[in-house]
Amino acid sequence: MKILHLIPRLNYSGSTRQLALLCQGLRREQFDLQICVLGEDDSAICLLGPEPVVHVLGKTRLFDFVALWKLRRLLHSFRPDIIHAWGPAAVRNLALVDGGKAGSWSEHRSATSP
C-alpha cells in the first residue's frame, strides 16, 4: 500500500515527532511510504531515519504555483492509496491541487492545533 504524508514543515515539533514514530512503526514490506514537506523547513529530517523518501517543495507564499505544480506531479507519479494531510494547510494545498481525487485522505490535527 502506498502512503503519502503531506506535512507543512518538518521542524522539531509535535507533528514531526508523531510522523517519525509512525514511520518507524510501519512495516516496510507492507507499505511504500513517502513524505512531502510543503515548506522549506526540513531541519528535523534526521528524525525520520534513512527509509522514507522525502520531497521538499519549498513553498514560500500562500499561492506558490511552482510548489503546487510539484505536488501535483508527485501525486500523479507516486499514485498513493492514502494521503495523510497533517493540518489545515496540508488539506488546503491538497484540495487546490487535486480536489481529493488522488486517493483517500484525512486530516490530522495535533494536540496543539486550534
PDB file of N, CA and C in Angstrom:
ATOM      1  N   MET A   1       0.845  -1.175   0.000  1.00  0.00           N
ATOM      2  CA  MET A   1       0.000   0.000   0.000  1.00  0.00           C
ATOM      3  C   MET A   1       0.891   1.238   0.000  1.00  0.00           C
ATOM      4  N   LYS A   2       0.566   2.182  -0.844  1.00  0.00           N
ATOM      5  CA  LYS A   2       1.332   3.425  -0.938  1.00  0.00           C
ATOM      6  C   LYS A   2       0.693   4.503  -0.058  1.00  0.00           C
ATOM      7  N   ILE A   3       1.510   5.111   0.795  1.00  0.00           N
ATOM      8  CA  ILE A   3       1.037   6.165   1.694  1.00  0.00           C
ATOM      9  C   ILE A   3       1.900   7.402   1.496  1.00  0.00           C
ATOM     10  N   LEU A   4       1.242   8.543   1.302  1.00  0.00           N
ATOM     11  CA  LEU A   4       1.933   9.827   1.215  1.00  0.00           C
ATOM     12  C   LEU A   4       1.528  10.669   2.417  1.00  0.00           C
ATOM     13  N   HIS A   5       2.515  11.120   3.177  1.00  0.00           N
ATOM     14  CA  HIS A   5       2.273  12.047   4.284  1.00  0.00           C
ATOM     15  C   HIS A   5       2.587  13.442   3.782  1.00  0.00           C
ATOM     16  N   LEU A   6       1.613  14.332   3.881  1.00  0.00           N
ATOM     17  CA  LEU A   6       1.762  15.717   3.444  1.00  0.00           C
ATOM     18  C   LEU A   6       1.792  16.591   4.693  1.00  0.00           C
ATOM     19  N   ILE A   7       2.934  17.224   4.948  1.00  0.00           N
ATOM     20  CA  ILE A   7       3.129  17.992   6.179  1.00  0.00           C
ATOM     21  C   ILE A   7       3.646  19.389   5.830  1.00  0.00           C
ATOM     22  N   PRO A   8       3.157  20.438   6.494  1.00  0.00           N
ATOM     23  CA  PRO A   8       3.600  21.801   6.164  1.00  0.00           C
ATOM     24  C   PRO A   8       5.092  22.044   6.399  1.00  0.00           C
ATOM     25  N   ARG A   9       5.605  21.576   7.548  1.00  0.00           N
ATOM     26  CA  ARG A   9       7.021  21.782   7.899  1.00  0.00           C
ATOM     27  C   ARG A   9       7.548  20.513   8.549  1.00  0.00           C
ATOM     28  N   LEU A  10       8.820  20.297   8.395  1.00  0.00           N
ATOM     29  CA  LEU A  10       9.458  19.156   9.038  1.00  0.00           C
ATOM     30  C   LEU A  10      10.478  19.701  10.026  1.00  0.00           C
ATOM     31  N   ASN A  11       9.964  20.462  10.993  1.00  0.00           N
ATOM     32  CA  ASN A  11      10.828  21.049  12.017  1.00  0.00           C
ATOM     33  C   ASN A  11      10.675  20.246  13.310  1.00  0.00           C
ATOM     34  N   TYR A  12      11.328  20.659  14.345  1.00  0.00           N
ATOM     35  CA  TYR A  12      11.256  19.948  15.624  1.00  0.00           C
ATOM     36  C   TYR A  12       9.960  20.328  16.325  1.00  0.00           C
ATOM     37  N   SER A  13       8.887  19.635  15.987  1.00  0.00           N
ATOM     38  CA  SER A  13       7.572  19.914  16.566  1.00  0.00           C
ATOM     39  C   SER A  13       6.888  18.596  16.909  1.00  0.00           C
ATOM     40  N   GLY A  14       5.739  18.698  17.540  1.00  0.00           N
ATOM     41  CA  GLY A  14       4.990  17.516  17.910  1.00  0.00           C
ATOM     42  C   GLY A  14       4.527  16.710  16.712  1.00  0.00           C
ATOM     43  N   SER A  15       4.068  17.391  15.665  1.00  0.00           N
ATOM     44  CA  SER A  15       3.614  16.692  14.466  1.00  0.00           C
ATOM     45  C   SER A  15       4.748  15.918  13.814  1.00  0.00           C
ATOM     46  N   THR A  16       5.917  16.521  13.754  1.00  0.00           N
ATOM     47  CA  THR A  16       7.072  15.846  13.158  1.00  0.00           C
ATOM     48  C   THR A  16       7.450  14.620  13.976  1.00  0.00           C
ATOM     49  N   ARG A  17       7.409  14.743  15.285  1.00  0.00           N
ATOM     50  CA  ARG A  17       7.743  13.605  16.148  1.00  0.00           C
ATOM     51  C   ARG A  17       6.720  12.483  15.983  1.00  0.00           C
ATOM     52  N   GLN A  18       5.432  12.848  15.896  1.00  0.00           N
ATOM     53  CA  GLN A  18       4.399  11.843  15.673  1.00  0.00           C
ATOM     54  C   GLN A  18       4.591  11.145  14.328  1.00  0.00           C
ATOM     55  N   LEU A  19       4.937  11.918  13.314  1.00  0.00           N
ATOM     56  CA  LEU A  19       5.199  11.346  11.992  1.00  0.00           C
ATOM     57  C   LEU A  19       6.397  10.397  12.033  1.00  0.00           C
ATOM     58  N   ALA A  20       7.446  10.782  12.736  1.00  0.00           N
ATOM     59  CA  ALA A  20       8.636   9.923  12.856  1.00  0.00           C
ATOM     60  C   ALA A  20       8.290   8.608  13.541  1.00  0.00           C
ATOM     61  N   LEU A  21       7.506   8.669  14.611  1.00  0.00           N
ATOM     62  CA  LEU A  21       7.098   7.442  15.306  1.00  0.00           C
ATOM     63  C   LEU A  21       6.237   6.553  14.402  1.00  0.00           C
ATOM     64  N   LEU A  22       5.370   7.174  13.639  1.00  0.00           N
ATOM     65  CA  LEU A  22       4.531   6.424  12.718  1.00  0.00           C
ATOM     66  C   LEU A  22       5.372   5.754  11.628  1.00  0.00           C
ATOM     67  N   CYS A  23       6.339   6.469  11.093  1.00  0.00           N
ATOM     68  CA  CYS A  23       7.227   5.910  10.060  1.00  0.00           C
ATOM     69  C   CYS A  23       8.022   4.723  10.591  1.00  0.00           C
ATOM     70  N   GLN A  24       8.470   4.830  11.817  1.00  0.00           N
ATOM     71  CA  GLN A  24       9.252   3.744  12.417  1.00  0.00           C
ATOM     72  C   GLN A  24       8.393   2.508  12.693  1.00  0.00           C
ATOM     73  N   GLY A  25       7.095   2.718  12.925  1.00  0.00           N
ATOM     74  CA  GLY A  25       6.216   1.611  13.271  1.00  0.00           C
ATOM     75  C   GLY A  25       5.617   0.875  12.089  1.00  0.00           C
ATOM     76  N   LEU A  26       5.691   1.444  10.887  1.00  0.00           N
ATOM     77  CA  LEU A  26       5.103   0.788   9.718  1.00  0.00           C
ATOM     78  C   LEU A  26       6.072  -0.220   9.112  1.00  0.00           C
ATOM     79  N   ARG A  27       5.570  -1.362   8.733  1.00  0.00           N
ATOM     80  CA  ARG A  27       6.413  -2.397   8.131  1.00  0.00           C
ATOM     81  C   ARG A  27       6.742  -2.029   6.693  1.00  0.00           C
ATOM     82  N   ARG A  28       8.009  -2.040   6.367  1.00  0.00           N
ATOM     83  CA  ARG A  28       8.480  -1.645   5.042  1.00  0.00           C
ATOM     84  C   ARG A  28       8.016  -2.597   3.944  1.00  0.00           C
ATOM     85  N   GLU A  29       7.840  -3.869   4.281  1.00  0.00           N
ATOM     86  CA  GLU A  29       7.414  -4.820   3.266  1.00  0.00           C
ATOM     87  C   GLU A  29       5.929  -4.675   2.917  1.00  0.00           C
ATOM     88  N   GLN A  30       5.161  -4.016   3.770  1.00  0.00           N
ATOM     89  CA  GLN A  30       3.737  -3.807   3.531  1.00  0.00           C
ATOM     90  C   GLN A  30       3.425  -2.419   2.974  1.00  0.00           C
ATOM     91  N   PHE A  31       4.238  -1.422   3.323  1.00  0.00           N
ATOM     92  CA  PHE A  31       3.905  -0.048   2.998  1.00  0.00           C
ATOM     93  C   PHE A  31       5.034   0.642   2.228  1.00  0.00           C
ATOM     94  N   ASP A  32       4.658   1.308   1.150  1.00  0.00           N
ATOM     95  CA  ASP A  32       5.573   2.175   0.418  1.00  0.00           C
ATOM     96  C   ASP A  32       5.272   3.589   0.907  1.00  0.00           C
ATOM     97  N   LEU A  33       6.175   4.149   1.694  1.00  0.00           N
ATOM     98  CA  LEU A  33       5.933   5.399   2.400  1.00  0.00           C
ATOM     99  C   LEU A  33       6.770   6.532   1.814  1.00  0.00           C
ATOM    100  N   GLN A  34       6.113   7.654   1.511  1.00  0.00           N
ATOM    101  CA  GLN A  34       6.817   8.859   1.091  1.00  0.00           C
ATOM    102  C   GLN A  34       6.253  10.043   1.866  1.00  0.00           C
ATOM    103  N   ILE A  35       7.117  11.053   2.060  1.00  0.00           N
ATOM    104  CA  ILE A  35       6.744  12.246   2.815  1.00  0.00           C
ATOM    105  C   ILE A  35       6.957  13.464   1.934  1.00  0.00           C
ATOM    106  N   CYS A  36       5.982  14.355   1.941  1.00  0.00           N
ATOM    107  CA  CYS A  36       6.081  15.594   1.177  1.00  0.00           C
ATOM    108  C   CYS A  36       5.978  16.769   2.144  1.00  0.00           C
ATOM    109  N   VAL A  37       7.012  17.610   2.157  1.00  0.00           N
ATOM    110  CA  VAL A  37       7.060  18.796   3.013  1.00  0.00           C
ATOM    111  C   VAL A  37       6.699  19.994   2.142  1.00  0.00           C
ATOM    112  N   LEU A  38       5.650  20.720   2.517  1.00  0.00           N
ATOM    113  CA  LEU A  38       5.217  21.860   1.710  1.00  0.00           C
ATOM    114  C   LEU A  38       6.236  22.992   1.721  1.00  0.00           C
ATOM    115  N   GLY A  39       6.721  23.340   2.895  1.00  0.00           N
ATOM    116  CA  GLY A  39       7.617  24.487   3.035  1.00  0.00           C
ATOM    117  C   GLY A  39       9.070  24.148   2.797  1.00  0.00           C
ATOM    118  N   GLU A  40       9.921  25.015   3.285  1.00  0.00           N
ATOM    119  CA  GLU A  40      11.360  24.841   3.108  1.00  0.00           C
ATOM    120  C   GLU A  40      12.025  24.189   4.303  1.00  0.00           C
ATOM    121  N   ASP A  41      11.356  24.194   5.455  1.00  0.00           N
ATOM    122  CA  ASP A  41      11.978  23.730   6.692  1.00  0.00           C
ATOM    123  C   ASP A  41      11.995  22.212   6.762  1.00  0.00           C
ATOM    124  N   ASP A  42      13.176  21.636   6.603  1.00  0.00           N
ATOM    125  CA  ASP A  42      13.336  20.193   6.739  1.00  0.00           C
ATOM    126  C   ASP A  42      14.411  19.879   7.767  1.00  0.00           C
ATOM    127  N   SER A  43      14.515  20.729   8.783  1.00  0.00           N
ATOM    128  CA  SER A  43      15.591  20.620   9.773  1.00  0.00           C
ATOM    129  C   SER A  43      15.518  19.349  10.617  1.00  0.00           C
ATOM    130  N   ALA A  44      14.352  18.732  10.706  1.00  0.00           N
ATOM    131  CA  ALA A  44      14.214  17.534  11.534  1.00  0.00           C
ATOM    132  C   ALA A  44      14.133  16.263  10.693  1.00  0.00           C
ATOM    133  N   ILE A  45      14.633  16.320   9.500  1.00  0.00           N
ATOM    134  CA  ILE A  45      14.572  15.159   8.603  1.00  0.00           C
ATOM    135  C   ILE A  45      15.306  13.956   9.192  1.00  0.00           C
ATOM    136  N   CYS A  46      16.283  14.201  10.031  1.00  0.00           N
ATOM    137  CA  CYS A  46      17.054  13.114  10.660  1.00  0.00           C
ATOM    138  C   CYS A  46      16.190  12.259  11.581  1.00  0.00           C
ATOM    139  N   LEU A  47      15.077  12.789  12.096  1.00  0.00           N
ATOM    140  CA  LEU A  47      14.194  12.018  12.972  1.00  0.00           C
ATOM    141  C   LEU A  47      13.499  10.877  12.235  1.00  0.00           C
ATOM    142  N   LEU A  48      13.369  10.996  10.921  1.00  0.00           N
ATOM    143  CA  LEU A  48      12.622  10.013  10.149  1.00  0.00           C
ATOM    144  C   LEU A  48      13.421   8.761   9.842  1.00  0.00           C
ATOM    145  N   GLY A  49      14.723   8.839   9.976  1.00  0.00           N
ATOM    146  CA  GLY A  49      15.570   7.698   9.654  1.00  0.00           C
ATOM    147  C   GLY A  49      15.877   7.650   8.165  1.00  0.00           C
ATOM    148  N   PRO A  50      16.576   6.618   7.727  1.00  0.00           N
ATOM    149  CA  PRO A  50      17.021   6.545   6.336  1.00  0.00           C
ATOM    150  C   PRO A  50      15.974   6.025   5.362  1.00  0.00           C
ATOM    151  N   GLU A  51      14.899   5.440   5.845  1.00  0.00           N
ATOM    152  CA  GLU A  51      13.965   4.726   4.990  1.00  0.00           C
ATOM    153  C   GLU A  51      13.060   5.586   4.106  1.00  0.00           C
ATOM    154  N   PRO A  52      12.231   6.475   4.661  1.00  0.00           N
ATOM    155  CA  PRO A  52      11.242   7.113   3.789  1.00  0.00           C
ATOM    156  C   PRO A  52      11.866   8.126   2.819  1.00  0.00           C
ATOM    157  N   VAL A  53      11.264   8.197   1.633  1.00  0.00           N
ATOM    158  CA  VAL A  53      11.645   9.200   0.645  1.00  0.00           C
ATOM    159  C   VAL A  53      10.975  10.503   1.053  1.00  0.00           C
ATOM    160  N   VAL A  54      11.744  11.598   1.087  1.00  0.00           N
ATOM    161  CA  VAL A  54      11.211  12.898   1.497  1.00  0.00           C
ATOM    162  C   VAL A  54      11.337  13.878   0.335  1.00  0.00           C
ATOM    163  N   HIS A  55      10.218  14.516  -0.019  1.00  0.00           N
ATOM    164  CA  HIS A  55      10.183  15.541  -1.056  1.00  0.00           C
ATOM    165  C   HIS A  55       9.964  16.890  -0.368  1.00  0.00           C
ATOM    166  N   VAL A  56      10.818  17.866  -0.623  1.00  0.00           N
ATOM    167  CA  VAL A  56      10.672  19.207  -0.047  1.00  0.00           C
ATOM    168  C   VAL A  56      10.285  20.153  -1.183  1.00  0.00           C
ATOM    169  N   LEU A  57       9.067  20.708  -1.097  1.00  0.00           N
ATOM    170  CA  LEU A  57       8.555  21.540  -2.188  1.00  0.00           C
ATOM    171  C   LEU A  57       9.055  22.978  -2.127  1.00  0.00           C
ATOM    172  N   GLY A  58       9.433  23.473  -0.970  1.00  0.00           N
ATOM    173  CA  GLY A  58       9.969  24.827  -0.847  1.00  0.00           C
ATOM    174  C   GLY A  58       8.937  25.930  -0.992  1.00  0.00           C
ATOM    175  N   LYS A  59       7.718  25.667  -0.583  1.00  0.00           N
ATOM    176  CA  LYS A  59       6.642  26.663  -0.692  1.00  0.00           C
ATOM    177  C   LYS A  59       6.932  27.846   0.220  1.00  0.00           C
ATOM    178  N   THR A  60       6.854  29.065  -0.349  1.00  0.00           N
ATOM    179  CA  THR A  60       7.159  30.268   0.419  1.00  0.00           C
ATOM    180  C   THR A  60       5.987  31.236   0.518  1.00  0.00           C
ATOM    181  N   ARG A  61       4.997  31.088  -0.345  1.00  0.00           N
ATOM    182  CA  ARG A  61       3.847  32.001  -0.357  1.00  0.00           C
ATOM    183  C   ARG A  61       2.552  31.205  -0.231  1.00  0.00           C
ATOM    184  N   LEU A  62       1.450  31.908   0.024  1.00  0.00           N
ATOM    185  CA  LEU A  62       0.151  31.256   0.141  1.00  0.00           C
ATOM    186  C   LEU A  62      -0.192  30.500  -1.140  1.00  0.00           C
ATOM    187  N   PHE A  63      -0.046  31.160  -2.279  1.00  0.00           N
ATOM    188  CA  PHE A  63      -0.266  30.520  -3.577  1.00  0.00           C
ATOM    189  C   PHE A  63       1.052  30.463  -4.328  1.00  0.00           C
ATOM    190  N   ASP A  64       1.824  29.471  -4.031  1.00  0.00           N
ATOM    191  CA  ASP A  64       3.108  29.250  -4.693  1.00  0.00           C
ATOM    192  C   ASP A  64       2.858  28.222  -5.798  1.00  0.00           C
ATOM    193  N   PHE A  65       2.687  28.716  -7.017  1.00  0.00           N
ATOM    194  CA  PHE A  65       2.276  27.849  -8.112  1.00  0.00           C
ATOM    195  C   PHE A  65       3.327  26.805  -8.475  1.00  0.00           C
ATOM    196  N   VAL A  66       4.586  27.113  -8.285  1.00  0.00           N
ATOM    197  CA  VAL A  66       5.640  26.140  -8.566  1.00  0.00           C
ATOM    198  C   VAL A  66       5.545  24.969  -7.585  1.00  0.00           C
ATOM    199  N   ALA A  67       5.368  25.282  -6.310  1.00  0.00           N
ATOM    200  CA  ALA A  67       5.240  24.229  -5.301  1.00  0.00           C
ATOM    201  C   ALA A  67       3.973  23.400  -5.530  1.00  0.00           C
ATOM    202  N   LEU A  68       2.875  24.052  -5.888  1.00  0.00           N
ATOM    203  CA  LEU A  68       1.639  23.322  -6.160  1.00  0.00           C
ATOM    204  C   LEU A  68       1.798  22.413  -7.380  1.00  0.00           C
ATOM    205  N   TRP A  69       2.517  22.881  -8.381  1.00  0.00           N
ATOM    206  CA  TRP A  69       2.777  22.078  -9.571  1.00  0.00           C
ATOM    207  C   TRP A  69       3.622  20.853  -9.221  1.00  0.00           C
ATOM    208  N   LYS A  70       4.628  21.047  -8.357  1.00  0.00           N
ATOM    209  CA  LYS A  70       5.464  19.923  -7.905  1.00  0.00           C
ATOM    210  C   LYS A  70       4.630  18.899  -7.136  1.00  0.00           C
ATOM    211  N   LEU A  71       3.709  19.390  -6.289  1.00  0.00           N
ATOM    212  CA  LEU A  71       2.841  18.489  -5.535  1.00  0.00           C
ATOM    213  C   LEU A  71       1.945  17.698  -6.488  1.00  0.00           C
ATOM    214  N   ARG A  72       1.410  18.359  -7.462  1.00  0.00           N
ATOM    215  CA  ARG A  72       0.560  17.677  -8.448  1.00  0.00           C
ATOM    216  C   ARG A  72       1.336  16.592  -9.194  1.00  0.00           C
ATOM    217  N   ARG A  73       2.559  16.904  -9.602  1.00  0.00           N
ATOM    218  CA  ARG A  73       3.404  15.911 -10.284  1.00  0.00           C
ATOM    219  C   ARG A  73       3.697  14.719  -9.377  1.00  0.00           C
ATOM    220  N   LEU A  74       3.971  15.002  -8.106  1.00  0.00           N
ATOM    221  CA  LEU A  74       4.241  13.926  -7.148  1.00  0.00           C
ATOM    222  C   LEU A  74       3.027  13.016  -6.995  1.00  0.00           C
ATOM    223  N   LEU A  75       1.839  13.602  -6.874  1.00  0.00           N
ATOM    224  CA  LEU A  75       0.622  12.806  -6.722  1.00  0.00           C
ATOM    225  C   LEU A  75       0.385  11.904  -7.927  1.00  0.00           C
ATOM    226  N   HIS A  76       0.647  12.433  -9.103  1.00  0.00           N
ATOM    227  CA  HIS A  76       0.395  11.647 -10.314  1.00  0.00           C
ATOM    228  C   HIS A  76       1.494  10.628 -10.599  1.00  0.00           C
ATOM    229  N   SER A  77       2.687  10.880 -10.138  1.00  0.00           N
ATOM    230  CA  SER A  77       3.752   9.897 -10.363  1.00  0.00           C
ATOM    231  C   SER A  77       3.742   8.800  -9.294  1.00  0.00           C
ATOM    232  N   PHE A  78       3.518   9.159  -8.039  1.00  0.00           N
ATOM    233  CA  PHE A  78       3.525   8.184  -6.938  1.00  0.00           C
ATOM    234  C   PHE A  78       2.212   7.410  -6.856  1.00  0.00           C
ATOM    235  N   ARG A  79       1.095   8.064  -7.148  1.00  0.00           N
ATOM    236  CA  ARG A  79      -0.236   7.475  -7.078  1.00  0.00           C
ATOM    237  C   ARG A  79      -0.511   6.790  -5.736  1.00  0.00           C
ATOM    238  N   PRO A  80      -0.554   7.584  -4.657  1.00  0.00           N
ATOM    239  CA  PRO A  80      -0.751   6.975  -3.327  1.00  0.00           C
ATOM    240  C   PRO A  80      -2.158   6.411  -3.154  1.00  0.00           C
ATOM    241  N   ASP A  81      -2.239   5.349  -2.363  1.00  0.00           N
ATOM    242  CA  ASP A  81      -3.542   4.803  -1.983  1.00  0.00           C
ATOM    243  C   ASP A  81      -4.163   5.654  -0.879  1.00  0.00           C
ATOM    244  N   ILE A  82      -3.311   6.177   0.010  1.00  0.00           N
ATOM    245  CA  ILE A  82      -3.755   7.011   1.128  1.00  0.00           C
ATOM    246  C   ILE A  82      -2.866   8.248   1.197  1.00  0.00           C
ATOM    247  N   ILE A  83      -3.501   9.402   1.397  1.00  0.00           N
ATOM    248  CA  ILE A  83      -2.761  10.643   1.640  1.00  0.00           C
ATOM    249  C   ILE A  83      -3.132  11.111   3.037  1.00  0.00           C
ATOM    250  N   HIS A  84      -2.140  11.223   3.887  1.00  0.00           N
ATOM    251  CA  HIS A  84      -2.369  11.711   5.253  1.00  0.00           C
ATOM    252  C   HIS A  84      -1.914  13.164   5.290  1.00  0.00           C
ATOM    253  N   ALA A  85      -2.877  14.072   5.373  1.00  0.00           N
ATOM    254  CA  ALA A  85      -2.589  15.511   5.409  1.00  0.00           C
ATOM    255  C   ALA A  85      -2.488  15.953   6.861  1.00  0.00           C
ATOM    256  N   TRP A  86      -1.326  16.485   7.233  1.00  0.00           N
ATOM    257  CA  TRP A  86      -1.049  16.888   8.617  1.00  0.00           C
ATOM    258  C   TRP A  86      -1.400  18.362   8.791  1.00  0.00           C
ATOM    259  N   GLY A  87      -2.653  18.643   9.122  1.00  0.00           N
ATOM    260  CA  GLY A  87      -3.077  20.004   9.439  1.00  0.00           C
ATOM    261  C   GLY A  87      -3.828  20.683   8.311  1.00  0.00           C
ATOM    262  N   PRO A  88      -4.473  21.797   8.626  1.00  0.00           N
ATOM    263  CA  PRO A  88      -5.295  22.510   7.654  1.00  0.00           C
ATOM    264  C   PRO A  88      -4.530  23.002   6.421  1.00  0.00           C
ATOM    265  N   ALA A  89      -3.292  23.444   6.584  1.00  0.00           N
ATOM    266  CA  ALA A  89      -2.521  23.930   5.429  1.00  0.00           C
ATOM    267  C   ALA A  89      -2.291  22.814   4.425  1.00  0.00           C
ATOM    268  N   ALA A  90      -2.008  21.616   4.906  1.00  0.00           N
ATOM    269  CA  ALA A  90      -1.807  20.476   4.015  1.00  0.00           C
ATOM    270  C   ALA A  90      -3.101  20.111   3.297  1.00  0.00           C
ATOM    271  N   VAL A  91      -4.218  20.141   4.011  1.00  0.00           N
ATOM    272  CA  VAL A  91      -5.517  19.836   3.407  1.00  0.00           C
ATOM    273  C   VAL A  91      -5.856  20.859   2.324  1.00  0.00           C
ATOM    274  N   ARG A  92      -5.643  22.143   2.611  1.00  0.00           N
ATOM    275  CA  ARG A  92      -5.925  23.191   1.626  1.00  0.00           C
ATOM    276  C   ARG A  92      -5.105  23.006   0.355  1.00  0.00           C
ATOM    277  N   ASN A  93      -3.812  22.738   0.515  1.00  0.00           N
ATOM    278  CA  ASN A  93      -2.957  22.561  -0.655  1.00  0.00           C
ATOM    279  C   ASN A  93      -3.346  21.319  -1.446  1.00  0.00           C
ATOM    280  N   LEU A  94      -3.709  20.277  -0.770  1.00  0.00           N
ATOM    281  CA  LEU A  94      -4.150  19.061  -1.441  1.00  0.00           C
ATOM    282  C   LEU A  94      -5.438  19.313  -2.213  1.00  0.00           C
ATOM    283  N   ALA A  95      -6.364  20.033  -1.610  1.00  0.00           N
ATOM    284  CA  ALA A  95      -7.620  20.348  -2.282  1.00  0.00           C
ATOM    285  C   ALA A  95      -7.385  21.245  -3.496  1.00  0.00           C
ATOM    286  N   LEU A  96      -6.466  22.196  -3.395  1.00  0.00           N
ATOM    287  CA  LEU A  96      -6.149  23.058  -4.527  1.00  0.00           C
ATOM    288  C   LEU A  96      -5.579  22.272  -5.705  1.00  0.00           C
ATOM    289  N   VAL A  97      -4.753  21.314  -5.397  1.00  0.00           N
ATOM    290  CA  VAL A  97      -4.050  20.575  -6.439  1.00  0.00           C
ATOM    291  C   VAL A  97      -4.898  19.478  -7.053  1.00  0.00           C
ATOM    292  N   ASP A  98      -5.580  18.718  -6.225  1.00  0.00           N
ATOM    293  CA  ASP A  98      -6.215  17.522  -6.743  1.00  0.00           C
ATOM    294  C   ASP A  98      -7.669  17.338  -6.322  1.00  0.00           C
ATOM    295  N   GLY A  99      -8.153  18.143  -5.442  1.00  0.00           N
ATOM    296  CA  GLY A  99      -9.542  18.040  -5.031  1.00  0.00           C
ATOM    297  C   GLY A  99      -9.913  16.700  -4.408  1.00  0.00           C
ATOM    298  N   GLY A 100      -8.911  15.980  -3.853  1.00  0.00           N
ATOM    299  CA  GLY A 100      -9.176  14.701  -3.216  1.00  0.00           C
ATOM    300  C   GLY A 100      -9.282  13.534  -4.175  1.00  0.00           C
ATOM    301  N   LYS A 101      -8.950  13.743  -5.462  1.00  0.00           N
ATOM    302  CA  LYS A 101      -9.069  12.668  -6.445  1.00  0.00           C
ATOM    303  C   LYS A 101      -7.926  11.667  -6.402  1.00  0.00           C
ATOM    304  N   ALA A 102      -6.811  12.007  -5.763  1.00  0.00           N
ATOM    305  CA  ALA A 102      -5.628  11.133  -5.781  1.00  0.00           C
ATOM    306  C   ALA A 102      -5.829   9.872  -4.955  1.00  0.00           C
ATOM    307  N   GLY A 103      -6.718   9.870  -4.009  1.00  0.00           N
ATOM    308  CA  GLY A 103      -6.925   8.701  -3.155  1.00  0.00           C
ATOM    309  C   GLY A 103      -7.654   9.127  -1.898  1.00  0.00           C
ATOM    310  N   SER A 104      -7.727   8.250  -0.941  1.00  0.00           N
ATOM    311  CA  SER A 104      -8.357   8.585   0.329  1.00  0.00           C
ATOM    312  C   SER A 104      -7.421   9.489   1.109  1.00  0.00           C
ATOM    313  N   TRP A 105      -7.933  10.540   1.708  1.00  0.00           N
ATOM    314  CA  TRP A 105      -7.074  11.404   2.504  1.00  0.00           C
ATOM    315  C   TRP A 105      -7.831  11.873   3.724  1.00  0.00           C
ATOM    316  N   SER A 106      -7.075  12.081   4.770  1.00  0.00           N
ATOM    317  CA  SER A 106      -7.661  12.515   6.033  1.00  0.00           C
ATOM    318  C   SER A 106      -6.811  13.625   6.609  1.00  0.00           C
ATOM    319  N   GLU A 107      -7.392  14.390   7.479  1.00  0.00           N
ATOM    320  CA  GLU A 107      -6.665  15.473   8.124  1.00  0.00           C
ATOM    321  C   GLU A 107      -6.271  15.037   9.525  1.00  0.00           C
ATOM    322  N   HIS A 108      -5.038  15.338   9.882  1.00  0.00           N
ATOM    323  CA  HIS A 108      -4.574  15.056  11.240  1.00  0.00           C
ATOM    324  C   HIS A 108      -4.383  16.386  11.948  1.00  0.00           C
ATOM    325  N   ARG A 109      -5.026  16.522  13.084  1.00  0.00           N
ATOM    326  CA  ARG A 109      -4.850  17.719  13.900  1.00  0.00           C
ATOM    327  C   ARG A 109      -4.102  17.313  15.147  1.00  0.00           C
ATOM    328  N   SER A 110      -2.956  17.940  15.338  1.00  0.00           N
ATOM    329  CA  SER A 110      -2.189  17.614  16.543  1.00  0.00           C
ATOM    330  C   SER A 110      -2.832  18.277  17.750  1.00  0.00           C
ATOM    331  N   ALA A 111      -2.367  17.912  18.916  1.00  0.00           N
ATOM    332  CA  ALA A 111      -2.951  18.425  20.155  1.00  0.00           C
ATOM    333  C   ALA A 111      -2.761  19.934  20.274  1.00  0.00           C
ATOM    334  N   THR A 112      -1.781  20.509  19.565  1.00  0.00           N
ATOM    335  CA  THR A 112      -1.526  21.945  19.663  1.00  0.00           C
ATOM    336  C   THR A 112      -2.326  22.748  18.652  1.00  0.00           C
ATOM    337  N   SER A 113      -2.992  22.089  17.691  1.00  0.00           N
ATOM    338  CA  SER A 113      -3.770  22.811  16.683  1.00  0.00           C
ATOM    339  C   SER A 113      -5.067  23.319  17.281  1.00  0.00           C
ATOM    340  N   PRO A 114      -5.513  24.514  16.845  1.00  0.00           N
ATOM    341  CA  PRO A 114      -6.777  25.030  17.359  1.00  0.00           C
ATOM    342  C   PRO A 114      -7.964  24.293  16.799  1.00  0.00           C
TER     343      PRO A 114
END
